[in-house]
């Protein structure tokens, strides 16, 4: 069965954007279109994004779809070939949400699925974390993906967003902490680099003034 499409040529795609750029909605819309056309596909998501109790991909606009969870220890090559054998057919497309949470090894395993079976793998995810540092999975996708596309969104100032800024309960930009902290609009805001630096400088200046007042007292 796994040799049925030896002449197929798949691709590894990475579509990245900041939070709120409708990446998940795009994935779910793509899945719907594949379903309407009778195409074989799978939706997958790393379990590290555990806001849902069930294995569901849900967008901010309210649409959702069940998916296969990917665990940190999952071998993607074995996982997918087991599914192919169980279903007795190859998938035409594998759609992966929150791909930044994949390990580098898992990205390599997905690339092997592409190369060995001609299956297309389409990954959606963030490029960088709240400190503007690249995630492991995203870095590896940038290194080996066949096609890389940016899902663009606009900052309140009109510039393109590139920073997934973490904020506290008062709306202040947070610059320290663990790389992964799951949250939505209550914890993150997408900013351009200019506004990110501007807000950080304003906070630093405010903190310095507050320290001065405390010192006087």
N, C-alpha and C. Protein backbone atom coordinates (compact mmCIF):
# COMPACT_ATOMS: atom_id res chain seq x y z
N UNK A 1 0.83 -1.21 0.00
CA UNK A 1 0.00 0.00 0.00
C UNK A 1 0.86 1.27 0.00
N UNK A 2 1.96 1.23 0.78
CA UNK A 2 2.79 2.43 0.88
C UNK A 2 3.58 2.70 -0.39
N UNK A 3 3.57 1.75 -1.35
CA UNK A 3 4.26 1.96 -2.61
C UNK A 3 3.30 2.36 -3.73
N UNK A 4 2.04 2.63 -3.38
CA UNK A 4 1.04 2.86 -4.41
C UNK A 4 1.24 4.15 -5.19
N UNK A 5 1.96 5.10 -4.61
CA UNK A 5 2.15 6.38 -5.28
C UNK A 5 3.61 6.78 -5.27
N UNK A 6 4.46 5.90 -5.75
CA UNK A 6 5.90 6.16 -5.71
C UNK A 6 6.29 7.33 -6.60
N UNK A 7 5.44 7.70 -7.57
CA UNK A 7 5.77 8.79 -8.47
C UNK A 7 5.22 10.14 -7.98
N UNK A 8 4.49 10.13 -6.88
CA UNK A 8 3.97 11.39 -6.35
C UNK A 8 5.11 12.24 -5.81
N UNK A 9 4.98 13.53 -5.96
CA UNK A 9 5.99 14.45 -5.43
C UNK A 9 5.30 15.44 -4.51
N UNK A 10 5.59 15.32 -3.23
CA UNK A 10 5.00 16.21 -2.26
C UNK A 10 5.93 17.37 -1.93
N UNK A 11 5.44 18.27 -1.10
CA UNK A 11 6.23 19.41 -0.65
C UNK A 11 5.99 19.63 0.84
N UNK A 12 7.00 20.19 1.48
CA UNK A 12 6.88 20.62 2.87
C UNK A 12 6.71 22.14 2.85
N UNK A 13 5.55 22.59 3.33
CA UNK A 13 5.22 24.01 3.33
C UNK A 13 5.25 24.56 4.75
N UNK A 14 5.66 25.81 4.88
CA UNK A 14 5.56 26.51 6.17
C UNK A 14 4.94 27.87 5.94
N UNK A 15 3.80 28.10 6.57
CA UNK A 15 3.14 29.40 6.52
C UNK A 15 3.15 29.97 7.94
N UNK A 16 3.83 31.09 8.09
CA UNK A 16 4.02 31.64 9.42
C UNK A 16 3.44 33.05 9.51
N UNK A 17 3.10 33.43 10.71
CA UNK A 17 2.60 34.78 10.95
C UNK A 17 2.52 35.02 12.44
N UNK A 18 2.21 36.24 12.83
CA UNK A 18 2.07 36.56 14.25
C UNK A 18 0.73 36.05 14.76
N UNK A 19 0.55 36.13 16.06
CA UNK A 19 -0.72 35.74 16.65
C UNK A 19 -1.82 36.67 16.14
N UNK A 20 -2.98 36.06 15.86
CA UNK A 20 -4.10 36.85 15.36
C UNK A 20 -4.08 37.11 13.87
N UNK A 21 -3.18 36.44 13.14
CA UNK A 21 -3.10 36.65 11.69
C UNK A 21 -3.95 35.67 10.90
N UNK A 22 -4.81 34.93 11.60
CA UNK A 22 -5.77 34.00 10.97
C UNK A 22 -5.13 32.75 10.39
N UNK A 23 -3.98 32.34 10.95
CA UNK A 23 -3.32 31.13 10.47
C UNK A 23 -4.21 29.90 10.67
N UNK A 24 -4.76 29.75 11.88
CA UNK A 24 -5.59 28.58 12.17
C UNK A 24 -6.86 28.60 11.33
N UNK A 25 -7.44 29.76 11.14
CA UNK A 25 -8.63 29.86 10.29
C UNK A 25 -8.30 29.44 8.86
N UNK A 26 -7.12 29.80 8.38
CA UNK A 26 -6.69 29.39 7.04
C UNK A 26 -6.56 27.88 6.95
N UNK A 27 -5.95 27.27 8.00
CA UNK A 27 -5.82 25.81 8.02
C UNK A 27 -7.18 25.14 7.98
N UNK A 28 -8.11 25.62 8.80
CA UNK A 28 -9.43 25.01 8.87
C UNK A 28 -10.22 25.21 7.58
N UNK A 29 -10.05 26.36 6.96
CA UNK A 29 -10.70 26.60 5.67
C UNK A 29 -10.14 25.68 4.60
N UNK A 30 -8.82 25.48 4.63
CA UNK A 30 -8.18 24.56 3.70
C UNK A 30 -8.70 23.14 3.90
N UNK A 31 -8.83 22.72 5.16
CA UNK A 31 -9.35 21.39 5.46
C UNK A 31 -10.78 21.24 4.93
N UNK A 32 -11.59 22.27 5.09
CA UNK A 32 -12.96 22.23 4.59
C UNK A 32 -12.99 22.08 3.07
N UNK A 33 -12.12 22.83 2.39
CA UNK A 33 -12.06 22.73 0.94
C UNK A 33 -11.62 21.35 0.48
N UNK A 34 -10.63 20.76 1.18
CA UNK A 34 -10.20 19.41 0.84
C UNK A 34 -11.35 18.42 1.03
N UNK A 35 -12.08 18.59 2.12
CA UNK A 35 -13.21 17.70 2.41
C UNK A 35 -14.28 17.79 1.33
N UNK A 36 -14.56 19.01 0.90
CA UNK A 36 -15.56 19.21 -0.16
C UNK A 36 -15.14 18.56 -1.47
N UNK A 37 -13.87 18.49 -1.71
CA UNK A 37 -13.34 17.91 -2.95
C UNK A 37 -13.05 16.42 -2.83
N UNK A 38 -13.33 15.84 -1.66
CA UNK A 38 -13.13 14.41 -1.47
C UNK A 38 -11.67 14.00 -1.37
N UNK A 39 -10.81 14.90 -0.92
CA UNK A 39 -9.39 14.60 -0.81
C UNK A 39 -9.07 14.00 0.55
N UNK A 40 -8.06 13.14 0.59
CA UNK A 40 -7.63 12.51 1.84
C UNK A 40 -6.64 13.44 2.56
N UNK A 41 -6.93 13.73 3.83
CA UNK A 41 -6.06 14.61 4.58
C UNK A 41 -6.18 14.31 6.07
N UNK A 42 -5.21 14.81 6.83
CA UNK A 42 -5.21 14.72 8.29
C UNK A 42 -4.90 16.09 8.87
N UNK A 43 -5.54 16.42 9.99
CA UNK A 43 -5.21 17.61 10.74
C UNK A 43 -4.50 17.19 12.02
N UNK A 44 -3.43 17.90 12.38
CA UNK A 44 -2.64 17.55 13.55
C UNK A 44 -2.25 18.81 14.31
N UNK A 45 -1.98 18.63 15.63
CA UNK A 45 -1.56 19.77 16.46
C UNK A 45 -0.76 19.28 17.66
N UNK A 46 0.34 19.94 17.99
CA UNK A 46 1.10 19.56 19.19
C UNK A 46 0.26 19.72 20.45
N UNK A 47 0.36 18.74 21.35
CA UNK A 47 -0.42 18.73 22.59
C UNK A 47 0.01 19.84 23.54
N UNK A 48 1.14 20.48 23.30
CA UNK A 48 1.62 21.53 24.20
C UNK A 48 0.63 22.68 24.28
N UNK A 49 -0.14 22.88 23.18
CA UNK A 49 -1.22 23.87 23.22
C UNK A 49 -2.45 23.17 23.78
N UNK A 50 -2.58 23.18 25.11
CA UNK A 50 -3.58 22.36 25.80
C UNK A 50 -4.80 23.14 26.27
N UNK A 51 -5.13 24.22 25.57
CA UNK A 51 -6.31 24.98 25.96
C UNK A 51 -7.59 24.17 25.74
N UNK A 52 -7.54 23.19 24.84
CA UNK A 52 -8.70 22.33 24.59
C UNK A 52 -8.50 20.99 25.28
N UNK A 53 -9.55 20.49 25.94
CA UNK A 53 -9.46 19.18 26.59
C UNK A 53 -9.49 18.06 25.57
N UNK A 54 -10.20 18.28 24.47
CA UNK A 54 -10.26 17.28 23.41
C UNK A 54 -9.29 17.65 22.30
N UNK A 55 -9.00 16.68 21.42
CA UNK A 55 -8.08 16.93 20.32
C UNK A 55 -8.80 17.74 19.24
N UNK A 56 -8.79 19.04 19.41
CA UNK A 56 -9.52 19.95 18.53
C UNK A 56 -8.62 21.11 18.14
N UNK A 57 -8.72 21.49 16.88
CA UNK A 57 -8.13 22.74 16.41
C UNK A 57 -9.27 23.74 16.32
N UNK A 58 -9.14 24.85 17.04
CA UNK A 58 -10.19 25.86 17.05
C UNK A 58 -9.59 27.23 16.76
N UNK A 59 -10.22 27.97 15.88
CA UNK A 59 -9.74 29.31 15.54
C UNK A 59 -10.43 30.35 16.40
N UNK A 60 -9.90 31.55 16.37
CA UNK A 60 -10.47 32.65 17.16
C UNK A 60 -11.83 33.08 16.64
N UNK A 61 -12.15 32.74 15.40
CA UNK A 61 -13.44 33.14 14.84
C UNK A 61 -14.51 32.08 15.08
N UNK A 62 -14.14 31.00 15.80
CA UNK A 62 -15.14 30.05 16.25
C UNK A 62 -15.25 28.74 15.49
N UNK A 63 -14.57 28.60 14.34
CA UNK A 63 -14.65 27.33 13.62
C UNK A 63 -13.64 26.35 14.22
N UNK A 64 -13.96 25.06 14.11
CA UNK A 64 -13.11 24.04 14.73
C UNK A 64 -13.18 22.73 13.97
N UNK A 65 -12.26 21.83 14.31
CA UNK A 65 -12.21 20.51 13.68
C UNK A 65 -11.38 19.58 14.57
N UNK A 66 -11.79 18.33 14.63
CA UNK A 66 -11.00 17.36 15.40
C UNK A 66 -9.66 17.12 14.71
N UNK A 67 -8.67 16.71 15.50
CA UNK A 67 -7.34 16.51 14.95
C UNK A 67 -6.63 15.39 15.71
N UNK A 68 -5.47 15.03 15.22
CA UNK A 68 -4.58 14.10 15.92
C UNK A 68 -3.61 14.91 16.74
N UNK A 69 -3.45 14.56 17.99
CA UNK A 69 -2.48 15.24 18.83
C UNK A 69 -1.07 14.74 18.56
N UNK A 70 -0.11 15.66 18.62
CA UNK A 70 1.30 15.33 18.51
C UNK A 70 1.94 15.55 19.88
N UNK A 71 2.53 14.51 20.43
CA UNK A 71 3.18 14.62 21.74
C UNK A 71 4.67 14.95 21.55
N UNK A 72 5.30 15.52 22.56
CA UNK A 72 6.72 15.85 22.42
C UNK A 72 7.59 14.66 22.03
N UNK A 73 7.19 13.47 22.47
CA UNK A 73 7.99 12.28 22.16
C UNK A 73 7.53 11.57 20.90
N UNK A 74 6.52 12.08 20.21
CA UNK A 74 5.97 11.42 19.03
C UNK A 74 7.00 11.33 17.91
N UNK A 75 7.09 10.16 17.30
CA UNK A 75 7.87 9.98 16.08
C UNK A 75 6.90 10.18 14.93
N UNK A 76 7.00 11.29 14.24
CA UNK A 76 6.02 11.62 13.21
C UNK A 76 6.04 10.63 12.05
N UNK A 77 7.21 10.12 11.73
CA UNK A 77 7.31 9.17 10.62
C UNK A 77 6.55 7.89 10.96
N UNK A 78 6.80 7.35 12.15
CA UNK A 78 6.12 6.13 12.57
C UNK A 78 4.62 6.38 12.75
N UNK A 79 4.28 7.50 13.36
CA UNK A 79 2.88 7.82 13.61
C UNK A 79 2.09 7.86 12.30
N UNK A 80 2.63 8.53 11.30
CA UNK A 80 1.91 8.69 10.04
C UNK A 80 1.90 7.42 9.21
N UNK A 81 3.01 6.69 9.19
CA UNK A 81 3.00 5.43 8.43
C UNK A 81 2.05 4.42 9.07
N UNK A 82 1.94 4.44 10.38
CA UNK A 82 0.95 3.57 11.06
C UNK A 82 -0.46 3.95 10.63
N UNK A 83 -0.74 5.25 10.53
CA UNK A 83 -2.06 5.71 10.09
C UNK A 83 -2.31 5.30 8.64
N UNK A 84 -1.31 5.46 7.78
CA UNK A 84 -1.47 5.07 6.38
C UNK A 84 -1.79 3.58 6.27
N UNK A 85 -1.06 2.76 7.03
CA UNK A 85 -1.29 1.32 6.98
C UNK A 85 -2.67 0.95 7.52
N UNK A 86 -3.07 1.61 8.59
CA UNK A 86 -4.39 1.34 9.18
C UNK A 86 -5.51 1.72 8.22
N UNK A 87 -5.36 2.87 7.57
CA UNK A 87 -6.39 3.34 6.63
C UNK A 87 -6.27 2.67 5.26
N UNK A 88 -5.15 1.98 5.03
CA UNK A 88 -4.88 1.35 3.74
C UNK A 88 -4.87 2.36 2.59
N UNK A 89 -4.37 3.53 2.88
CA UNK A 89 -4.24 4.56 1.85
C UNK A 89 -3.31 5.66 2.36
N UNK A 90 -2.68 6.33 1.41
CA UNK A 90 -1.86 7.48 1.74
C UNK A 90 -2.75 8.72 1.84
N UNK A 91 -2.35 9.64 2.70
CA UNK A 91 -3.02 10.92 2.73
C UNK A 91 -2.41 11.81 1.65
N UNK A 92 -3.22 12.67 1.07
CA UNK A 92 -2.70 13.62 0.10
C UNK A 92 -2.08 14.83 0.80
N UNK A 93 -2.66 15.20 1.95
CA UNK A 93 -2.20 16.37 2.68
C UNK A 93 -2.20 16.09 4.18
N UNK A 94 -1.17 16.59 4.86
CA UNK A 94 -1.10 16.63 6.32
C UNK A 94 -1.08 18.11 6.71
N UNK A 95 -2.05 18.52 7.52
CA UNK A 95 -2.14 19.91 7.95
C UNK A 95 -1.76 19.99 9.43
N UNK A 96 -0.75 20.78 9.75
CA UNK A 96 -0.25 20.87 11.12
C UNK A 96 -0.42 22.29 11.65
N UNK A 97 -1.16 22.43 12.74
CA UNK A 97 -1.34 23.73 13.39
C UNK A 97 -0.30 23.88 14.50
N UNK A 98 0.03 25.12 14.87
CA UNK A 98 0.98 25.42 15.95
C UNK A 98 2.31 24.69 15.73
N UNK A 99 2.80 24.72 14.50
CA UNK A 99 3.99 23.96 14.13
C UNK A 99 5.26 24.44 14.83
N UNK A 100 5.21 25.63 15.42
CA UNK A 100 6.40 26.12 16.15
C UNK A 100 6.74 25.22 17.32
N UNK A 101 5.75 24.48 17.82
CA UNK A 101 5.96 23.61 18.98
C UNK A 101 6.50 22.23 18.61
N UNK A 102 6.70 21.95 17.34
CA UNK A 102 7.34 20.71 16.93
C UNK A 102 8.82 20.75 17.32
N UNK A 103 9.40 19.58 17.53
CA UNK A 103 10.85 19.52 17.71
C UNK A 103 11.51 19.50 16.33
N UNK A 104 12.81 19.78 16.30
CA UNK A 104 13.54 19.74 15.04
C UNK A 104 13.48 18.33 14.44
N UNK A 105 13.58 17.32 15.30
CA UNK A 105 13.50 15.94 14.81
C UNK A 105 12.14 15.65 14.18
N UNK A 106 11.07 16.17 14.78
CA UNK A 106 9.74 15.93 14.22
C UNK A 106 9.58 16.60 12.86
N UNK A 107 10.18 17.77 12.68
CA UNK A 107 10.14 18.41 11.37
C UNK A 107 10.88 17.56 10.35
N UNK A 108 12.04 17.01 10.74
CA UNK A 108 12.79 16.13 9.84
C UNK A 108 11.98 14.88 9.50
N UNK A 109 11.25 14.36 10.47
CA UNK A 109 10.42 13.18 10.23
C UNK A 109 9.28 13.50 9.26
N UNK A 110 8.71 14.67 9.36
CA UNK A 110 7.68 15.09 8.40
C UNK A 110 8.27 15.24 7.01
N UNK A 111 9.50 15.75 6.93
CA UNK A 111 10.16 15.88 5.64
C UNK A 111 10.37 14.51 4.99
N UNK A 112 10.66 13.50 5.81
CA UNK A 112 10.82 12.14 5.28
C UNK A 112 9.50 11.62 4.72
N UNK A 113 8.40 11.96 5.38
CA UNK A 113 7.08 11.57 4.87
C UNK A 113 6.85 12.17 3.49
N UNK A 114 7.22 13.44 3.35
CA UNK A 114 7.10 14.12 2.06
C UNK A 114 7.93 13.41 1.00
N UNK A 115 9.19 13.14 1.31
CA UNK A 115 10.12 12.60 0.33
C UNK A 115 9.87 11.14 0.01
N UNK A 116 9.47 10.34 1.01
CA UNK A 116 9.30 8.91 0.79
C UNK A 116 7.95 8.57 0.15
N UNK A 117 6.91 9.37 0.44
CA UNK A 117 5.57 9.00 -0.01
C UNK A 117 4.89 10.04 -0.88
N UNK A 118 5.53 11.16 -1.11
CA UNK A 118 4.92 12.17 -1.96
C UNK A 118 3.73 12.86 -1.33
N UNK A 119 3.65 12.82 -0.01
CA UNK A 119 2.56 13.46 0.71
C UNK A 119 2.92 14.93 0.95
N UNK A 120 1.96 15.82 0.77
CA UNK A 120 2.17 17.23 1.06
C UNK A 120 1.95 17.49 2.54
N UNK A 121 2.86 18.20 3.16
CA UNK A 121 2.73 18.58 4.57
C UNK A 121 2.71 20.10 4.65
N UNK A 122 1.62 20.62 5.19
CA UNK A 122 1.42 22.07 5.29
C UNK A 122 1.39 22.47 6.76
N UNK A 123 2.41 23.20 7.18
CA UNK A 123 2.56 23.61 8.59
C UNK A 123 2.23 25.08 8.75
N UNK A 124 1.45 25.38 9.78
CA UNK A 124 1.14 26.76 10.14
C UNK A 124 1.71 27.03 11.54
N UNK A 125 2.29 28.21 11.73
CA UNK A 125 2.80 28.49 13.06
C UNK A 125 3.42 29.87 13.19
N UNK A 126 3.90 30.13 14.39
CA UNK A 126 4.61 31.38 14.68
C UNK A 126 6.07 31.25 14.26
N UNK A 127 6.68 32.36 13.95
CA UNK A 127 8.12 32.35 13.67
C UNK A 127 8.91 32.48 14.96
N UNK A 128 8.53 33.47 15.80
CA UNK A 128 9.32 33.78 16.99
C UNK A 128 8.45 33.87 18.24
N UNK A 129 9.11 33.83 19.39
CA UNK A 129 8.42 33.91 20.67
C UNK A 129 8.30 35.37 21.12
N UNK A 130 7.89 35.57 22.38
CA UNK A 130 7.65 36.93 22.89
C UNK A 130 8.93 37.75 23.04
N UNK A 131 10.08 37.08 23.00
CA UNK A 131 11.36 37.79 23.05
C UNK A 131 11.97 37.98 21.67
N UNK A 132 11.21 37.66 20.64
CA UNK A 132 11.63 37.72 19.24
C UNK A 132 12.68 36.65 18.90
N UNK A 133 12.75 35.59 19.71
CA UNK A 133 13.66 34.46 19.44
C UNK A 133 12.89 33.35 18.71
N UNK A 134 13.53 32.72 17.76
CA UNK A 134 12.85 31.72 16.95
C UNK A 134 12.59 30.43 17.74
N UNK A 135 11.41 29.85 17.51
CA UNK A 135 11.08 28.55 18.09
C UNK A 135 11.87 27.45 17.38
N UNK A 136 12.08 26.34 18.08
CA UNK A 136 12.86 25.23 17.51
C UNK A 136 12.22 24.69 16.23
N UNK A 137 10.91 24.43 16.30
CA UNK A 137 10.23 23.88 15.12
C UNK A 137 10.25 24.84 13.95
N UNK A 138 10.04 26.11 14.22
CA UNK A 138 10.03 27.12 13.16
C UNK A 138 11.40 27.25 12.52
N UNK A 139 12.44 27.23 13.35
CA UNK A 139 13.80 27.34 12.81
C UNK A 139 14.08 26.21 11.82
N UNK A 140 13.69 25.00 12.22
CA UNK A 140 13.96 23.86 11.34
C UNK A 140 13.13 23.93 10.06
N UNK A 141 11.91 24.41 10.17
CA UNK A 141 11.08 24.57 8.98
C UNK A 141 11.68 25.61 8.03
N UNK A 142 12.21 26.70 8.58
CA UNK A 142 12.87 27.69 7.74
C UNK A 142 14.09 27.09 7.05
N UNK A 143 14.73 26.14 7.70
CA UNK A 143 15.94 25.53 7.15
C UNK A 143 15.65 24.55 6.03
N UNK A 144 14.54 23.79 6.12
CA UNK A 144 14.36 22.69 5.16
C UNK A 144 13.04 22.70 4.40
N UNK A 145 12.11 23.61 4.70
CA UNK A 145 10.83 23.61 3.98
C UNK A 145 11.04 23.96 2.50
N UNK A 146 10.22 23.35 1.64
CA UNK A 146 10.29 23.64 0.21
C UNK A 146 9.70 25.00 -0.12
N UNK A 147 8.63 25.35 0.57
CA UNK A 147 7.94 26.61 0.30
C UNK A 147 7.62 27.30 1.62
N UNK A 148 7.99 28.58 1.73
CA UNK A 148 7.76 29.36 2.95
C UNK A 148 6.98 30.62 2.58
N UNK A 149 5.86 30.82 3.26
CA UNK A 149 5.01 31.99 3.00
C UNK A 149 4.70 32.70 4.31
N UNK A 150 4.66 34.01 4.26
CA UNK A 150 4.28 34.79 5.44
C UNK A 150 2.81 35.16 5.37
N UNK A 151 2.11 34.91 6.48
CA UNK A 151 0.72 35.35 6.62
C UNK A 151 0.79 36.71 7.31
N UNK A 152 0.56 37.77 6.57
CA UNK A 152 0.80 39.11 7.08
C UNK A 152 -0.41 39.67 7.83
N UNK A 153 -0.12 40.49 8.84
CA UNK A 153 -1.16 41.22 9.56
C UNK A 153 -0.61 42.59 9.92
N UNK A 154 -1.48 43.50 10.31
CA UNK A 154 -1.11 44.90 10.48
C UNK A 154 -1.18 45.34 11.93
N UNK A 155 -0.15 46.03 12.37
CA UNK A 155 -0.10 46.64 13.70
C UNK A 155 -1.07 47.84 13.73
N UNK A 156 -1.41 48.29 14.92
CA UNK A 156 -2.32 49.43 15.05
C UNK A 156 -1.76 50.69 14.41
N UNK A 157 -0.44 50.75 14.26
CA UNK A 157 0.20 51.92 13.64
C UNK A 157 0.22 51.84 12.13
N UNK A 158 -0.14 50.69 11.57
CA UNK A 158 -0.14 50.52 10.13
C UNK A 158 1.02 49.72 9.58
N UNK A 159 2.04 49.48 10.41
CA UNK A 159 3.16 48.66 9.97
C UNK A 159 2.82 47.18 10.08
N UNK A 160 3.66 46.35 9.47
CA UNK A 160 3.46 44.90 9.52
C UNK A 160 3.84 44.37 10.90
N UNK A 161 3.02 43.49 11.47
CA UNK A 161 3.35 42.89 12.76
C UNK A 161 4.41 41.81 12.57
N UNK A 162 5.38 41.79 13.48
CA UNK A 162 6.39 40.73 13.46
C UNK A 162 6.70 40.20 14.86
N UNK A 163 6.20 40.88 15.90
CA UNK A 163 6.50 40.50 17.28
C UNK A 163 5.25 39.99 17.98
N UNK A 164 5.35 38.83 18.62
CA UNK A 164 4.27 38.29 19.45
C UNK A 164 4.54 38.72 20.89
N UNK A 165 4.17 39.95 21.22
CA UNK A 165 4.50 40.52 22.52
C UNK A 165 3.65 39.91 23.62
N UNK A 166 4.28 39.52 24.72
CA UNK A 166 3.56 39.03 25.89
C UNK A 166 3.25 40.21 26.80
N UNK A 167 2.05 40.24 27.34
CA UNK A 167 1.66 41.36 28.20
C UNK A 167 1.16 40.82 29.54
N UNK A 168 1.24 41.68 30.57
CA UNK A 168 0.72 41.31 31.88
C UNK A 168 -0.72 41.80 32.04
N UNK A 169 -1.26 41.65 33.22
CA UNK A 169 -2.66 42.02 33.46
C UNK A 169 -2.92 43.51 33.25
N UNK A 170 -1.88 44.33 33.33
CA UNK A 170 -2.02 45.77 33.15
C UNK A 170 -1.72 46.22 31.72
N UNK A 171 -1.43 45.25 30.86
CA UNK A 171 -1.13 45.58 29.47
C UNK A 171 0.31 45.95 29.21
N UNK A 172 1.18 45.77 30.21
CA UNK A 172 2.60 46.06 30.04
C UNK A 172 3.31 44.92 29.31
N UNK A 173 4.25 45.26 28.46
CA UNK A 173 5.01 44.25 27.73
C UNK A 173 5.94 43.51 28.68
N UNK A 174 5.90 42.19 28.62
CA UNK A 174 6.74 41.32 29.46
C UNK A 174 7.93 40.86 28.64
N UNK A 175 9.12 40.93 29.22
CA UNK A 175 10.33 40.54 28.48
C UNK A 175 11.05 39.35 29.09
N UNK A 176 10.62 38.88 30.27
CA UNK A 176 11.24 37.73 30.91
C UNK A 176 10.20 36.64 31.15
N UNK A 177 10.68 35.38 31.21
CA UNK A 177 9.79 34.26 31.49
C UNK A 177 10.08 33.09 30.58
N UNK A 178 9.30 32.02 30.77
CA UNK A 178 9.44 30.82 29.96
C UNK A 178 9.07 31.12 28.51
N UNK A 179 9.70 30.42 27.59
CA UNK A 179 9.40 30.65 26.18
C UNK A 179 7.95 30.33 25.86
N UNK A 180 7.44 29.26 26.45
CA UNK A 180 6.08 28.82 26.14
C UNK A 180 5.16 29.15 27.31
N UNK A 181 4.17 29.96 27.04
CA UNK A 181 3.10 30.25 28.00
C UNK A 181 1.83 30.42 27.18
N UNK A 182 0.99 29.38 27.19
CA UNK A 182 -0.18 29.36 26.34
C UNK A 182 -1.17 30.45 26.77
N UNK A 183 -1.69 31.17 25.80
CA UNK A 183 -2.67 32.21 26.11
C UNK A 183 -3.18 32.86 24.84
N UNK A 184 -4.20 33.70 25.00
CA UNK A 184 -4.80 34.39 23.88
C UNK A 184 -4.62 35.88 23.99
N UNK A 185 -5.70 36.62 23.71
CA UNK A 185 -5.63 38.08 23.73
C UNK A 185 -5.32 38.65 25.11
N UNK A 186 -5.55 37.84 26.15
CA UNK A 186 -5.28 38.31 27.51
C UNK A 186 -3.80 38.31 27.83
N UNK A 187 -3.00 37.59 27.04
CA UNK A 187 -1.58 37.47 27.33
C UNK A 187 -0.67 37.92 26.19
N UNK A 188 -1.21 38.07 25.02
CA UNK A 188 -0.36 38.40 23.87
C UNK A 188 -1.00 39.46 22.99
N UNK A 189 -0.14 40.24 22.35
CA UNK A 189 -0.57 41.22 21.37
C UNK A 189 0.47 41.26 20.26
N UNK A 190 0.00 41.26 19.02
CA UNK A 190 0.92 41.32 17.88
C UNK A 190 1.29 42.78 17.60
N UNK A 191 2.60 43.04 17.54
CA UNK A 191 3.10 44.40 17.32
C UNK A 191 4.14 44.41 16.22
N UNK A 192 4.32 45.59 15.60
CA UNK A 192 5.48 45.77 14.74
C UNK A 192 6.70 45.99 15.63
N UNK A 193 7.88 45.91 15.05
CA UNK A 193 9.10 46.08 15.85
C UNK A 193 9.17 47.48 16.46
N UNK A 194 8.77 48.50 15.68
CA UNK A 194 8.82 49.88 16.14
C UNK A 194 7.98 50.06 17.41
N UNK A 195 6.74 49.58 17.38
CA UNK A 195 5.85 49.76 18.54
C UNK A 195 6.31 48.92 19.72
N UNK A 196 6.90 47.76 19.44
CA UNK A 196 7.40 46.89 20.52
C UNK A 196 8.52 47.60 21.28
N UNK A 197 9.48 48.15 20.54
CA UNK A 197 10.58 48.88 21.17
C UNK A 197 10.07 50.13 21.89
N UNK A 198 9.13 50.83 21.25
CA UNK A 198 8.60 52.06 21.84
C UNK A 198 7.94 51.79 23.17
N UNK A 199 7.10 50.73 23.25
CA UNK A 199 6.42 50.41 24.49
C UNK A 199 7.40 49.99 25.57
N UNK A 200 8.43 49.26 25.19
CA UNK A 200 9.44 48.84 26.17
C UNK A 200 10.21 50.05 26.71
N UNK A 201 10.58 50.98 25.82
CA UNK A 201 11.30 52.16 26.28
C UNK A 201 10.43 53.01 27.21
N UNK A 202 9.16 53.16 26.88
CA UNK A 202 8.24 53.93 27.72
C UNK A 202 8.10 53.30 29.09
N UNK A 203 8.03 51.96 29.12
CA UNK A 203 7.93 51.26 30.41
C UNK A 203 9.19 51.45 31.24
N UNK A 204 10.35 51.39 30.58
CA UNK A 204 11.62 51.57 31.29
C UNK A 204 11.72 52.98 31.87
N UNK A 205 11.27 53.96 31.11
CA UNK A 205 11.31 55.34 31.58
C UNK A 205 10.36 55.54 32.76
N UNK A 206 9.18 54.93 32.67
CA UNK A 206 8.20 55.02 33.76
C UNK A 206 8.74 54.37 35.02
N UNK A 207 9.38 53.20 34.86
CA UNK A 207 9.96 52.49 36.00
C UNK A 207 11.05 53.32 36.66
N UNK A 208 11.85 54.00 35.84
CA UNK A 208 12.93 54.83 36.38
C UNK A 208 12.37 55.99 37.18
N UNK A 209 11.28 56.59 36.68
CA UNK A 209 10.65 57.69 37.40
C UNK A 209 10.04 57.23 38.71
N UNK A 210 9.40 56.06 38.67
CA UNK A 210 8.81 55.51 39.89
C UNK A 210 9.88 55.22 40.93
N UNK A 211 11.01 54.71 40.47
CA UNK A 211 12.11 54.42 41.40
C UNK A 211 12.60 55.70 42.06
N UNK A 212 12.65 56.78 41.24
CA UNK A 212 13.11 58.04 41.77
C UNK A 212 12.19 58.57 42.85
N UNK A 213 10.88 58.46 42.67
CA UNK A 213 9.93 58.89 43.66
C UNK A 213 10.05 58.09 44.95
N UNK A 214 10.23 56.76 44.80
CA UNK A 214 10.38 55.89 45.97
C UNK A 214 11.65 56.26 46.74
N UNK A 215 12.69 56.59 45.97
CA UNK A 215 13.98 56.89 46.60
C UNK A 215 13.87 58.18 47.44
N UNK A 216 13.08 59.15 46.89
CA UNK A 216 12.91 60.40 47.60
C UNK A 216 12.18 60.17 48.94
N UNK A 217 11.20 59.25 48.87
CA UNK A 217 10.43 59.01 50.09
C UNK A 217 11.27 58.35 51.15
